[in-house]
Amino acid sequence: AGSYFAEQDNSWHQVSVRDTPFTANHIIEFYFNFPFYILMGGSAWIYA
């Protein structure tokens, strides 16, 4: 979440039309990668 997809977000902001938060990179980064690592982190906490 914090490497390949987050670091390329700068480039997407420069070239994509920012009329929506749903850019091609945000749809993967913000709406899957971030919730998914929260899922994994929360699972580790609950397991412990």
All heavy atoms as atom14 arrays in JSON, in Angstrom:
{
  "sequence": "AGSYFAEQDNSWHQVSVRDTPFTANHIIEFYFNFPFYILMGGSAWIYA",
  "atom14_mask": [
    [1, 1, 1, 1, 1, 0, 0, 0, 0, 0, 0, 0, 0, 0],
    [1, 1, 1, 1, 0, 0, 0, 0, 0, 0, 0, 0, 0, 0],
    [1, 1, 1, 1, 1, 1, 0, 0, 0, 0, 0, 0, 0, 0],
    [1, 1, 1, 1, 1, 1, 1, 1, 1, 1, 1, 1, 0, 0],
    [1, 1, 1, 1, 1, 1, 1, 1, 1, 1, 1, 0, 0, 0],
    [1, 1, 1, 1, 1, 0, 0, 0, 0, 0, 0, 0, 0, 0],
    [1, 1, 1, 1, 1, 1, 1, 1, 1, 0, 0, 0, 0, 0],
    [1, 1, 1, 1, 1, 1, 1, 1, 1, 0, 0, 0, 0, 0],
    [1, 1, 1, 1, 1, 1, 1, 1, 0, 0, 0, 0, 0, 0],
    [1, 1, 1, 1, 1, 1, 1, 1, 0, 0, 0, 0, 0, 0],
    [1, 1, 1, 1, 1, 1, 0, 0, 0, 0, 0, 0, 0, 0],
    [1, 1, 1, 1, 1, 1, 1, 1, 1, 1, 1, 1, 1, 1],
    [1, 1, 1, 1, 1, 1, 1, 1, 1, 1, 0, 0, 0, 0],
    [1, 1, 1, 1, 1, 1, 1, 1, 1, 0, 0, 0, 0, 0],
    [1, 1, 1, 1, 1, 1, 1, 0, 0, 0, 0, 0, 0, 0],
    [1, 1, 1, 1, 1, 1, 0, 0, 0, 0, 0, 0, 0, 0],
    [1, 1, 1, 1, 1, 1, 1, 0, 0, 0, 0, 0, 0, 0],
    [1, 1, 1, 1, 1, 1, 1, 1, 1, 1, 1, 0, 0, 0],
    [1, 1, 1, 1, 1, 1, 1, 1, 0, 0, 0, 0, 0, 0],
    [1, 1, 1, 1, 1, 1, 1, 0, 0, 0, 0, 0, 0, 0],
    [1, 1, 1, 1, 1, 1, 1, 0, 0, 0, 0, 0, 0, 0],
    [1, 1, 1, 1, 1, 1, 1, 1, 1, 1, 1, 0, 0, 0],
    [1, 1, 1, 1, 1, 1, 1, 0, 0, 0, 0, 0, 0, 0],
    [1, 1, 1, 1, 1, 0, 0, 0, 0, 0, 0, 0, 0, 0],
    [1, 1, 1, 1, 1, 1, 1, 1, 0, 0, 0, 0, 0, 0],
    [1, 1, 1, 1, 1, 1, 1, 1, 1, 1, 0, 0, 0, 0],
    [1, 1, 1, 1, 1, 1, 1, 1, 0, 0, 0, 0, 0, 0],
    [1, 1, 1, 1, 1, 1, 1, 1, 0, 0, 0, 0, 0, 0],
    [1, 1, 1, 1, 1, 1, 1, 1, 1, 0, 0, 0, 0, 0],
    [1, 1, 1, 1, 1, 1, 1, 1, 1, 1, 1, 0, 0, 0],
    [1, 1, 1, 1, 1, 1, 1, 1, 1, 1, 1, 1, 0, 0],
    [1, 1, 1, 1, 1, 1, 1, 1, 1, 1, 1, 0, 0, 0],
    [1, 1, 1, 1, 1, 1, 1, 1, 0, 0, 0, 0, 0, 0],
    [1, 1, 1, 1, 1, 1, 1, 1, 1, 1, 1, 0, 0, 0],
    [1, 1, 1, 1, 1, 1, 1, 0, 0, 0, 0, 0, 0, 0],
    [1, 1, 1, 1, 1, 1, 1, 1, 1, 1, 1, 0, 0, 0],
    [1, 1, 1, 1, 1, 1, 1, 1, 1, 1, 1, 1, 0, 0],
    [1, 1, 1, 1, 1, 1, 1, 1, 0, 0, 0, 0, 0, 0],
    [1, 1, 1, 1, 1, 1, 1, 1, 0, 0, 0, 0, 0, 0],
    [1, 1, 1, 1, 1, 1, 1, 1, 0, 0, 0, 0, 0, 0],
    [1, 1, 1, 1, 0, 0, 0, 0, 0, 0, 0, 0, 0, 0],
    [1, 1, 1, 1, 0, 0, 0, 0, 0, 0, 0, 0, 0, 0],
    [1, 1, 1, 1, 1, 1, 0, 0, 0, 0, 0, 0, 0, 0],
    [1, 1, 1, 1, 1, 0, 0, 0, 0, 0, 0, 0, 0, 0],
    [1, 1, 1, 1, 1, 1, 1, 1, 1, 1, 1, 1, 1, 1],
    [1, 1, 1, 1, 1, 1, 1, 1, 0, 0, 0, 0, 0, 0],
    [1, 1, 1, 1, 1, 1, 1, 1, 1, 1, 1, 1, 0, 0],
    [1, 1, 1, 1, 1, 0, 0, 0, 0, 0, 0, 0, 0, 0]
  ],
  "atom14_positions": [
    [[0.82, -1.21, 0.0], [0.0, 0.0, 0.0], [0.86, 1.26, 0.0], [0.5, 2.27, -0.62], [-0.92, -0.01, 1.22], [0.0, 0.0, 0.0], [0.0, 0.0, 0.0], [0.0, 0.0, 0.0], [0.0, 0.0, 0.0], [0.0, 0.0, 0.0], [0.0, 0.0, 0.0], [0.0, 0.0, 0.0], [0.0, 0.0, 0.0], [0.0, 0.0, 0.0]],
    [[2.0, 1.2, 0.71], [2.82, 2.39, 0.85], [3.96, 2.52, -0.13], [4.71, 3.5, -0.08], [0.0, 0.0, 0.0], [0.0, 0.0, 0.0], [0.0, 0.0, 0.0], [0.0, 0.0, 0.0], [0.0, 0.0, 0.0], [0.0, 0.0, 0.0], [0.0, 0.0, 0.0], [0.0, 0.0, 0.0], [0.0, 0.0, 0.0], [0.0, 0.0, 0.0]],
    [[4.1, 1.56, -1.03], [5.23, 1.63, -1.96], [4.75, 1.82, -3.39], [4.57, 2.96, -3.84], [6.09, 0.37, -1.83], [5.33, -0.81, -2.1], [0.0, 0.0, 0.0], [0.0, 0.0, 0.0], [0.0, 0.0, 0.0], [0.0, 0.0, 0.0], [0.0, 0.0, 0.0], [0.0, 0.0, 0.0], [0.0, 0.0, 0.0], [0.0, 0.0, 0.0]],
    [[4.49, 0.75, -4.1], [4.19, 0.83, -5.53], [2.99, 1.74, -5.83], [3.05, 2.58, -6.72], [3.93, -0.57, -6.1], [5.15, -1.45, -6.07], [5.35, -2.37, -5.05], [6.12, -1.36, -7.06], [6.47, -3.17, -5.0], [7.25, -2.16, -7.03], [7.43, -3.06, -6.0], [8.54, -3.85, -5.95], [0.0, 0.0, 0.0], [0.0, 0.0, 0.0]],
    [[1.93, 1.57, -5.09], [0.72, 2.31, -5.42], [0.7, 3.71, -4.8], [0.25, 4.66, -5.43], [-0.51, 1.52, -4.97], [-0.65, 0.21, -5.7], [-0.23, -0.98, -5.12], [-1.18, 0.16, -6.98], [-0.34, -2.19, -5.79], [-1.3, -1.04, -7.66], [-0.87, -2.21, -7.07], [0.0, 0.0, 0.0], [0.0, 0.0, 0.0], [0.0, 0.0, 0.0]],
    [[1.21, 3.86, -3.59], [1.21, 5.18, -2.96], [2.2, 6.12, -3.64], [1.89, 7.3, -3.88], [1.54, 5.05, -1.47], [0.0, 0.0, 0.0], [0.0, 0.0, 0.0], [0.0, 0.0, 0.0], [0.0, 0.0, 0.0], [0.0, 0.0, 0.0], [0.0, 0.0, 0.0], [0.0, 0.0, 0.0], [0.0, 0.0, 0.0], [0.0, 0.0, 0.0]],
    [[3.38, 5.63, -3.97], [4.4, 6.5, -4.53], [4.05, 6.95, -5.95], [4.47, 8.03, -6.38], [5.75, 5.79, -4.53], [6.32, 5.53, -3.15], [6.52, 6.81, -2.35], [6.88, 7.84, -2.97], [6.31, 6.8, -1.14], [0.0, 0.0, 0.0], [0.0, 0.0, 0.0], [0.0, 0.0, 0.0], [0.0, 0.0, 0.0], [0.0, 0.0, 0.0]],
    [[3.29, 6.15, -6.67], [2.94, 6.55, -8.03], [1.76, 7.52, -8.05], [1.43, 8.09, -9.08], [2.6, 5.33, -8.89], [1.33, 4.61, -8.47], [0.88, 3.56, -9.45], [0.36, 3.88, -10.51], [1.11, 2.3, -9.1], [0.0, 0.0, 0.0], [0.0, 0.0, 0.0], [0.0, 0.0, 0.0], [0.0, 0.0, 0.0], [0.0, 0.0, 0.0]],
    [[1.12, 7.73, -6.89], [-0.06, 8.58, -6.85], [0.26, 10.02, -7.24], [-0.58, 10.73, -7.79], [-0.68, 8.54, -5.45], [-2.16, 8.87, -5.47], [-2.86, 8.38, -6.37], [-2.6, 9.62, -4.59], [0.0, 0.0, 0.0], [0.0, 0.0, 0.0], [0.0, 0.0, 0.0], [0.0, 0.0, 0.0], [0.0, 0.0, 0.0], [0.0, 0.0, 0.0]],
    [[1.48, 10.45, -6.96], [1.9, 11.79, -7.37], [1.76, 11.97, -8.87], [1.23, 12.98, -9.35], [3.36, 12.0, -6.93], [3.84, 13.41, -7.22], [3.05, 14.33, -7.38], [5.14, 13.58, -7.28], [0.0, 0.0, 0.0], [0.0, 0.0, 0.0], [0.0, 0.0, 0.0], [0.0, 0.0, 0.0], [0.0, 0.0, 0.0], [0.0, 0.0, 0.0]],
    [[2.2, 10.97, -9.62], [2.11, 11.05, -11.08], [0.66, 11.08, -11.55], [0.3, 11.83, -12.47], [2.84, 9.86, -11.71], [4.22, 9.87, -11.36], [0.0, 0.0, 0.0], [0.0, 0.0, 0.0], [0.0, 0.0, 0.0], [0.0, 0.0, 0.0], [0.0, 0.0, 0.0], [0.0, 0.0, 0.0], [0.0, 0.0, 0.0], [0.0, 0.0, 0.0]],
    [[-0.17, 10.26, -10.91], [-1.59, 10.24, -11.29], [-2.25, 11.6, -11.04], [-3.08, 12.05, -11.82], [-2.32, 9.14, -10.52], [-2.1, 7.79, -11.09], [-1.22, 6.85, -10.64], [-2.74, 7.22, -12.23], [-1.27, 5.73, -11.44], [-2.21, 5.93, -12.42], [-3.72, 7.67, -13.11], [-2.6, 5.09, -13.44], [-4.13, 6.83, -14.14], [-3.57, 5.56, -14.3]],
    [[-1.87, 12.26, -9.97], [-2.46, 13.56, -9.67], [-2.08, 14.61, -10.71], [-2.8, 15.59, -10.92], [-2.02, 14.03, -8.28], [-2.68, 13.28, -7.18], [-2.55, 13.64, -5.85], [-3.49, 12.19, -7.18], [-3.24, 12.81, -5.09], [-3.81, 11.91, -5.88], [0.0, 0.0, 0.0], [0.0, 0.0, 0.0], [0.0, 0.0, 0.0], [0.0, 0.0, 0.0]],
    [[-0.95, 14.41, -11.36], [-0.49, 15.38, -12.35], [-1.18, 15.21, -13.71], [-1.28, 16.16, -14.48], [1.03, 15.26, -12.54], [1.85, 15.44, -11.28], [1.72, 16.83, -10.67], [1.51, 17.79, -11.39], [1.86, 16.93, -9.37], [0.0, 0.0, 0.0], [0.0, 0.0, 0.0], [0.0, 0.0, 0.0], [0.0, 0.0, 0.0], [0.0, 0.0, 0.0]],
    [[-1.65, 14.0, -14.0], [-2.14, 13.74, -15.35], [-3.63, 13.41, -15.42], [-4.25, 13.6, -16.47], [-1.35, 12.59, -16.01], [0.12, 12.93, -16.1], [-1.53, 11.27, -15.25], [0.0, 0.0, 0.0], [0.0, 0.0, 0.0], [0.0, 0.0, 0.0], [0.0, 0.0, 0.0], [0.0, 0.0, 0.0], [0.0, 0.0, 0.0], [0.0, 0.0, 0.0]],
    [[-4.23, 12.93, -14.33], [-5.63, 12.53, -14.4], [-6.53, 13.72, -14.07], [-6.12, 14.67, -13.41], [-5.92, 11.38, -13.43], [-5.69, 11.76, -12.09], [0.0, 0.0, 0.0], [0.0, 0.0, 0.0], [0.0, 0.0, 0.0], [0.0, 0.0, 0.0], [0.0, 0.0, 0.0], [0.0, 0.0, 0.0], [0.0, 0.0, 0.0], [0.0, 0.0, 0.0]],
    [[-7.77, 13.65, -14.52], [-8.74, 14.7, -14.25], [-9.24, 14.53, -12.82], [-9.9, 13.54, -12.5], [-9.9, 14.64, -15.25], [-10.93, 15.72, -14.92], [-9.39, 14.81, -16.67], [0.0, 0.0, 0.0], [0.0, 0.0, 0.0], [0.0, 0.0, 0.0], [0.0, 0.0, 0.0], [0.0, 0.0, 0.0], [0.0, 0.0, 0.0], [0.0, 0.0, 0.0]],
    [[-8.94, 15.51, -11.94], [-9.3, 15.38, -10.52], [-10.7, 15.91, -10.26], [-10.93, 16.79, -9.44], [-8.27, 16.12, -9.67], [-6.94, 15.42, -9.54], [-7.06, 14.09, -8.82], [-7.48, 14.28, -7.44], [-6.63, 14.46, -6.44], [-5.33, 14.46, -6.65], [-7.1, 14.65, -5.21], [0.0, 0.0, 0.0], [0.0, 0.0, 0.0], [0.0, 0.0, 0.0]],
    [[-11.68, 15.4, -11.0], [-13.07, 15.78, -10.74], [-13.76, 14.75, -9.86], [-14.96, 14.82, -9.62], [-13.83, 15.93, -12.06], [-13.84, 14.64, -12.88], [-13.04, 13.75, -12.56], [-14.62, 14.55, -13.83], [0.0, 0.0, 0.0], [0.0, 0.0, 0.0], [0.0, 0.0, 0.0], [0.0, 0.0, 0.0], [0.0, 0.0, 0.0], [0.0, 0.0, 0.0]],
    [[-13.02, 13.79, -9.37], [-13.56, 12.72, -8.54], [-12.43, 12.13, -7.71], [-11.29, 12.1, -8.15], [-14.2, 11.62, -9.4], [-14.59, 10.54, -8.54], [-13.24, 11.09, -10.43], [0.0, 0.0, 0.0], [0.0, 0.0, 0.0], [0.0, 0.0, 0.0], [0.0, 0.0, 0.0], [0.0, 0.0, 0.0], [0.0, 0.0, 0.0], [0.0, 0.0, 0.0]],
    [[-12.72, 11.64, -6.5], [-11.69, 10.93, -5.73], [-11.42, 9.54, -6.27], [-10.47, 8.88, -5.85], [-12.28, 10.87, -4.32], [-13.75, 10.94, -4.52], [-13.95, 11.82, -5.72], [0.0, 0.0, 0.0], [0.0, 0.0, 0.0], [0.0, 0.0, 0.0], [0.0, 0.0, 0.0], [0.0, 0.0, 0.0], [0.0, 0.0, 0.0], [0.0, 0.0, 0.0]],
    [[-12.24, 9.09, -7.23], [-12.1, 7.74, -7.77], [-11.2, 7.75, -9.0], [-11.65, 7.52, -10.12], [-13.47, 7.15, -8.11], [-14.39, 7.09, -6.93], [-15.62, 7.73, -6.95], [-14.04, 6.39, -5.8], [-16.48, 7.68, -5.87], [-14.89, 6.32, -4.7], [-16.12, 6.98, -4.74], [0.0, 0.0, 0.0], [0.0, 0.0, 0.0], [0.0, 0.0, 0.0]],
    [[-9.93, 8.01, -8.8], [-8.99, 7.88, -9.91], [-8.59, 6.42, -10.06], [-8.83, 5.6, -9.16], [-7.74, 8.74, -9.67], [-7.03, 8.22, -8.53], [-8.1, 10.2, -9.42], [0.0, 0.0, 0.0], [0.0, 0.0, 0.0], [0.0, 0.0, 0.0], [0.0, 0.0, 0.0], [0.0, 0.0, 0.0], [0.0, 0.0, 0.0], [0.0, 0.0, 0.0]],
    [[-7.96, 6.11, -11.17], [-7.57, 4.72, -11.42], [-6.62, 4.2, -10.35], [-6.62, 3.0, -10.04], [-6.93, 4.61, -12.8], [0.0, 0.0, 0.0], [0.0, 0.0, 0.0], [0.0, 0.0, 0.0], [0.0, 0.0, 0.0], [0.0, 0.0, 0.0], [0.0, 0.0, 0.0], [0.0, 0.0, 0.0], [0.0, 0.0, 0.0], [0.0, 0.0, 0.0]],
    [[-5.81, 5.07, -9.78], [-4.9, 4.62, -8.73], [-5.59, 4.61, -7.36], [-5.37, 3.7, -6.56], [-3.66, 5.5, -8.67], [-2.58, 4.91, -7.78], [-2.1, 3.8, -8.02], [-2.2, 5.61, -6.74], [0.0, 0.0, 0.0], [0.0, 0.0, 0.0], [0.0, 0.0, 0.0], [0.0, 0.0, 0.0], [0.0, 0.0, 0.0], [0.0, 0.0, 0.0]],
    [[-6.44, 5.6, -7.1], [-7.13, 5.64, -5.82], [-8.04, 4.43, -5.63], [-8.19, 3.94, -4.5], [-7.98, 6.91, -5.71], [-7.17, 8.14, -5.46], [-7.73, 9.4, -5.37], [-5.84, 8.32, -5.3], [-6.8, 10.29, -5.14], [-5.63, 9.65, -5.11], [0.0, 0.0, 0.0], [0.0, 0.0, 0.0], [0.0, 0.0, 0.0], [0.0, 0.0, 0.0]],
    [[-8.67, 3.98, -6.69], [-9.58, 2.84, -6.58], [-8.85, 1.61, -6.06], [-9.42, 0.8, -5.31], [-10.26, 2.57, -7.93], [-11.32, 3.66, -8.19], [-10.88, 1.19, -7.99], [-11.95, 3.59, -9.56], [0.0, 0.0, 0.0], [0.0, 0.0, 0.0], [0.0, 0.0, 0.0], [0.0, 0.0, 0.0], [0.0, 0.0, 0.0], [0.0, 0.0, 0.0]],
    [[-7.59, 1.48, -6.41], [-6.79, 0.37, -5.9], [-6.17, 0.72, -4.56], [-6.25, -0.06, -3.6], [-5.69, -0.01, -6.92], [-6.32, -0.54, -8.2], [-4.74, -1.05, -6.32], [-5.32, -0.81, -9.31], [0.0, 0.0, 0.0], [0.0, 0.0, 0.0], [0.0, 0.0, 0.0], [0.0, 0.0, 0.0], [0.0, 0.0, 0.0], [0.0, 0.0, 0.0]],
    [[-5.59, 1.89, -4.47], [-4.82, 2.26, -3.29], [-5.71, 2.56, -2.08], [-5.56, 1.94, -1.03], [-3.96, 3.5, -3.61], [-3.21, 4.08, -2.44], [-2.09, 3.2, -1.92], [-2.01, 2.02, -2.33], [-1.31, 3.66, -1.09], [0.0, 0.0, 0.0], [0.0, 0.0, 0.0], [0.0, 0.0, 0.0], [0.0, 0.0, 0.0], [0.0, 0.0, 0.0]],
    [[-6.64, 3.51, -2.22], [-7.42, 3.96, -1.09], [-8.58, 3.04, -0.75], [-8.97, 2.92, 0.41], [-7.97, 5.36, -1.34], [-6.92, 6.44, -1.37], [-7.21, 7.69, -1.88], [-5.65, 6.2, -0.89], [-6.25, 8.69, -1.9], [-4.67, 7.19, -0.91], [-4.98, 8.44, -1.42], [0.0, 0.0, 0.0], [0.0, 0.0, 0.0], [0.0, 0.0, 0.0]],
    [[-9.14, 2.39, -1.76], [-10.38, 1.65, -1.54], [-10.18, 0.13, -1.52], [-11.14, -0.61, -1.31], [-11.41, 2.04, -2.6], [-11.68, 3.52, -2.57], [-11.12, 4.37, -3.52], [-12.45, 4.09, -1.57], [-11.34, 5.74, -3.49], [-12.68, 5.46, -1.51], [-12.11, 6.28, -2.48], [-12.33, 7.63, -2.43], [0.0, 0.0, 0.0], [0.0, 0.0, 0.0]],
    [[-8.93, -0.31, -1.68], [-8.64, -1.72, -1.44], [-7.4, -1.9, -0.57], [-7.47, -2.52, 0.48], [-8.44, -2.49, -2.75], [-8.17, -3.95, -2.51], [-9.21, -4.84, -2.31], [-6.86, -4.44, -2.43], [-8.97, -6.19, -2.04], [-6.6, -5.78, -2.16], [-7.66, -6.66, -1.96], [0.0, 0.0, 0.0], [0.0, 0.0, 0.0], [0.0, 0.0, 0.0]],
    [[-6.26, -1.34, -0.99], [-5.01, -1.59, -0.27], [-5.08, -1.13, 1.18], [-4.66, -1.86, 2.09], [-3.86, -0.88, -0.98], [-3.49, -1.53, -2.29], [-4.04, -2.56, -2.66], [-2.56, -0.94, -3.02], [0.0, 0.0, 0.0], [0.0, 0.0, 0.0], [0.0, 0.0, 0.0], [0.0, 0.0, 0.0], [0.0, 0.0, 0.0], [0.0, 0.0, 0.0]],
    [[-5.59, 0.08, 1.41], [-5.66, 0.57, 2.78], [-6.63, -0.24, 3.63], [-6.27, -0.67, 4.73], [-6.04, 2.05, 2.79], [-4.89, 2.98, 2.47], [-3.75, 2.53, 1.83], [-4.96, 4.31, 2.8], [-2.7, 3.37, 1.53], [-3.91, 5.18, 2.51], [-2.78, 4.71, 1.87], [0.0, 0.0, 0.0], [0.0, 0.0, 0.0], [0.0, 0.0, 0.0]],
    [[-7.87, -0.46, 3.19], [-8.75, -1.32, 4.0], [-8.2, -2.73, 4.2], [-8.4, -3.33, 5.27], [-10.05, -1.34, 3.2], [-10.02, -0.1, 2.38], [-8.58, 0.11, 2.04], [0.0, 0.0, 0.0], [0.0, 0.0, 0.0], [0.0, 0.0, 0.0], [0.0, 0.0, 0.0], [0.0, 0.0, 0.0], [0.0, 0.0, 0.0], [0.0, 0.0, 0.0]],
    [[-7.48, -3.25, 3.2], [-6.99, -4.62, 3.32], [-5.92, -4.74, 4.39], [-5.9, -5.7, 5.16], [-6.47, -5.13, 1.98], [-6.2, -6.6, 1.96], [-7.25, -7.51, 1.85], [-4.91, -7.1, 2.05], [-7.02, -8.88, 1.85], [-4.67, -8.47, 2.04], [-5.72, -9.35, 1.95], [0.0, 0.0, 0.0], [0.0, 0.0, 0.0], [0.0, 0.0, 0.0]],
    [[-5.01, -3.76, 4.45], [-4.0, -3.89, 5.5], [-4.6, -3.63, 6.88], [-4.12, -4.15, 7.89], [-2.76, -3.04, 5.22], [-2.83, -1.56, 5.48], [-3.04, -1.05, 6.76], [-2.59, -0.64, 4.46], [-3.06, 0.31, 7.01], [-2.6, 0.72, 4.7], [-2.84, 1.19, 5.98], [-2.85, 2.54, 6.22], [0.0, 0.0, 0.0], [0.0, 0.0, 0.0]],
    [[-5.67, -2.82, 6.95], [-6.38, -2.67, 8.21], [-7.02, -4.0, 8.61], [-7.01, -4.38, 9.79], [-7.45, -1.57, 8.08], [-6.78, -0.2, 7.94], [-8.4, -1.58, 9.28], [-7.73, 0.91, 7.59], [0.0, 0.0, 0.0], [0.0, 0.0, 0.0], [0.0, 0.0, 0.0], [0.0, 0.0, 0.0], [0.0, 0.0, 0.0], [0.0, 0.0, 0.0]],
    [[-7.54, -4.73, 7.64], [-8.08, -6.06, 7.89], [-7.02, -6.98, 8.47], [-7.26, -7.69, 9.47], [-8.64, -6.64, 6.59], [-9.05, -8.11, 6.61], [-10.27, -8.31, 7.49], [-9.32, -8.62, 5.19], [0.0, 0.0, 0.0], [0.0, 0.0, 0.0], [0.0, 0.0, 0.0], [0.0, 0.0, 0.0], [0.0, 0.0, 0.0], [0.0, 0.0, 0.0]],
    [[-5.83, -6.98, 7.88], [-4.76, -7.86, 8.34], [-4.24, -7.42, 9.71], [-3.99, -8.25, 10.6], [-3.62, -7.86, 7.33], [-3.97, -8.48, 5.98], [-4.34, -10.26, 6.08], [-6.13, -10.24, 5.96], [0.0, 0.0, 0.0], [0.0, 0.0, 0.0], [0.0, 0.0, 0.0], [0.0, 0.0, 0.0], [0.0, 0.0, 0.0], [0.0, 0.0, 0.0]],
    [[-4.08, -6.12, 9.91], [-3.6, -5.64, 11.2], [-4.6, -5.9, 12.31], [-4.23, -6.34, 13.41], [0.0, 0.0, 0.0], [0.0, 0.0, 0.0], [0.0, 0.0, 0.0], [0.0, 0.0, 0.0], [0.0, 0.0, 0.0], [0.0, 0.0, 0.0], [0.0, 0.0, 0.0], [0.0, 0.0, 0.0], [0.0, 0.0, 0.0], [0.0, 0.0, 0.0]],
    [[-5.87, -5.66, 12.03], [-6.9, -5.95, 13.02], [-6.98, -7.43, 13.34], [-7.22, -7.81, 14.49], [0.0, 0.0, 0.0], [0.0, 0.0, 0.0], [0.0, 0.0, 0.0], [0.0, 0.0, 0.0], [0.0, 0.0, 0.0], [0.0, 0.0, 0.0], [0.0, 0.0, 0.0], [0.0, 0.0, 0.0], [0.0, 0.0, 0.0], [0.0, 0.0, 0.0]],
    [[-6.75, -8.27, 12.33], [-6.77, -9.71, 12.56], [-5.63, -10.13, 13.48], [-5.82, -10.98, 14.37], [-6.66, -10.45, 11.22], [-7.76, -10.18, 10.38], [0.0, 0.0, 0.0], [0.0, 0.0, 0.0], [0.0, 0.0, 0.0], [0.0, 0.0, 0.0], [0.0, 0.0, 0.0], [0.0, 0.0, 0.0], [0.0, 0.0, 0.0], [0.0, 0.0, 0.0]],
    [[-4.45, -9.56, 13.27], [-3.31, -9.86, 14.15], [-3.62, -9.44, 15.58], [-3.32, -10.16, 16.54], [-2.06, -9.16, 13.63], [0.0, 0.0, 0.0], [0.0, 0.0, 0.0], [0.0, 0.0, 0.0], [0.0, 0.0, 0.0], [0.0, 0.0, 0.0], [0.0, 0.0, 0.0], [0.0, 0.0, 0.0], [0.0, 0.0, 0.0], [0.0, 0.0, 0.0]],
    [[-4.24, -8.27, 15.75], [-4.57, -7.78, 17.09], [-5.59, -8.69, 17.76], [-5.45, -9.05, 18.94], [-5.11, -6.36, 16.97], [-5.18, -5.61, 18.26], [-4.2, -4.82, 18.81], [-6.29, -5.56, 19.17], [-4.63, -4.27, 19.99], [-5.92, -4.71, 20.25], [-7.56, -6.13, 19.18], [-6.76, -4.43, 21.31], [-8.41, -5.87, 20.25], [-8.01, -5.03, 21.29]],
    [[-6.63, -9.07, 17.03], [-7.66, -9.96, 17.59], [-7.06, -11.32, 17.93], [-7.36, -11.91, 18.98], [-8.83, -10.11, 16.61], [-9.54, -8.76, 16.42], [-9.82, -11.16, 17.11], [-10.58, -8.77, 15.32], [0.0, 0.0, 0.0], [0.0, 0.0, 0.0], [0.0, 0.0, 0.0], [0.0, 0.0, 0.0], [0.0, 0.0, 0.0], [0.0, 0.0, 0.0]],
    [[-6.2, -11.85, 17.04], [-5.57, -13.15, 17.3], [-4.79, -13.1, 18.61], [-4.9, -14.0, 19.46], [-4.66, -13.53, 16.15], [-3.98, -14.88, 16.35], [-4.59, -16.04, 15.89], [-2.75, -14.98, 17.0], [-3.98, -17.28, 16.1], [-2.15, -16.2, 17.21], [-2.76, -17.36, 16.76], [-2.16, -18.57, 16.98], [0.0, 0.0, 0.0], [0.0, 0.0, 0.0]],
    [[-3.99, -12.05, 18.78], [-3.17, -11.96, 19.98], [-4.04, -11.82, 21.23], [-3.78, -12.46, 22.26], [-2.23, -10.77, 19.87], [0.0, 0.0, 0.0], [0.0, 0.0, 0.0], [0.0, 0.0, 0.0], [0.0, 0.0, 0.0], [0.0, 0.0, 0.0], [0.0, 0.0, 0.0], [0.0, 0.0, 0.0], [0.0, 0.0, 0.0], [0.0, 0.0, 0.0]]
  ]
}
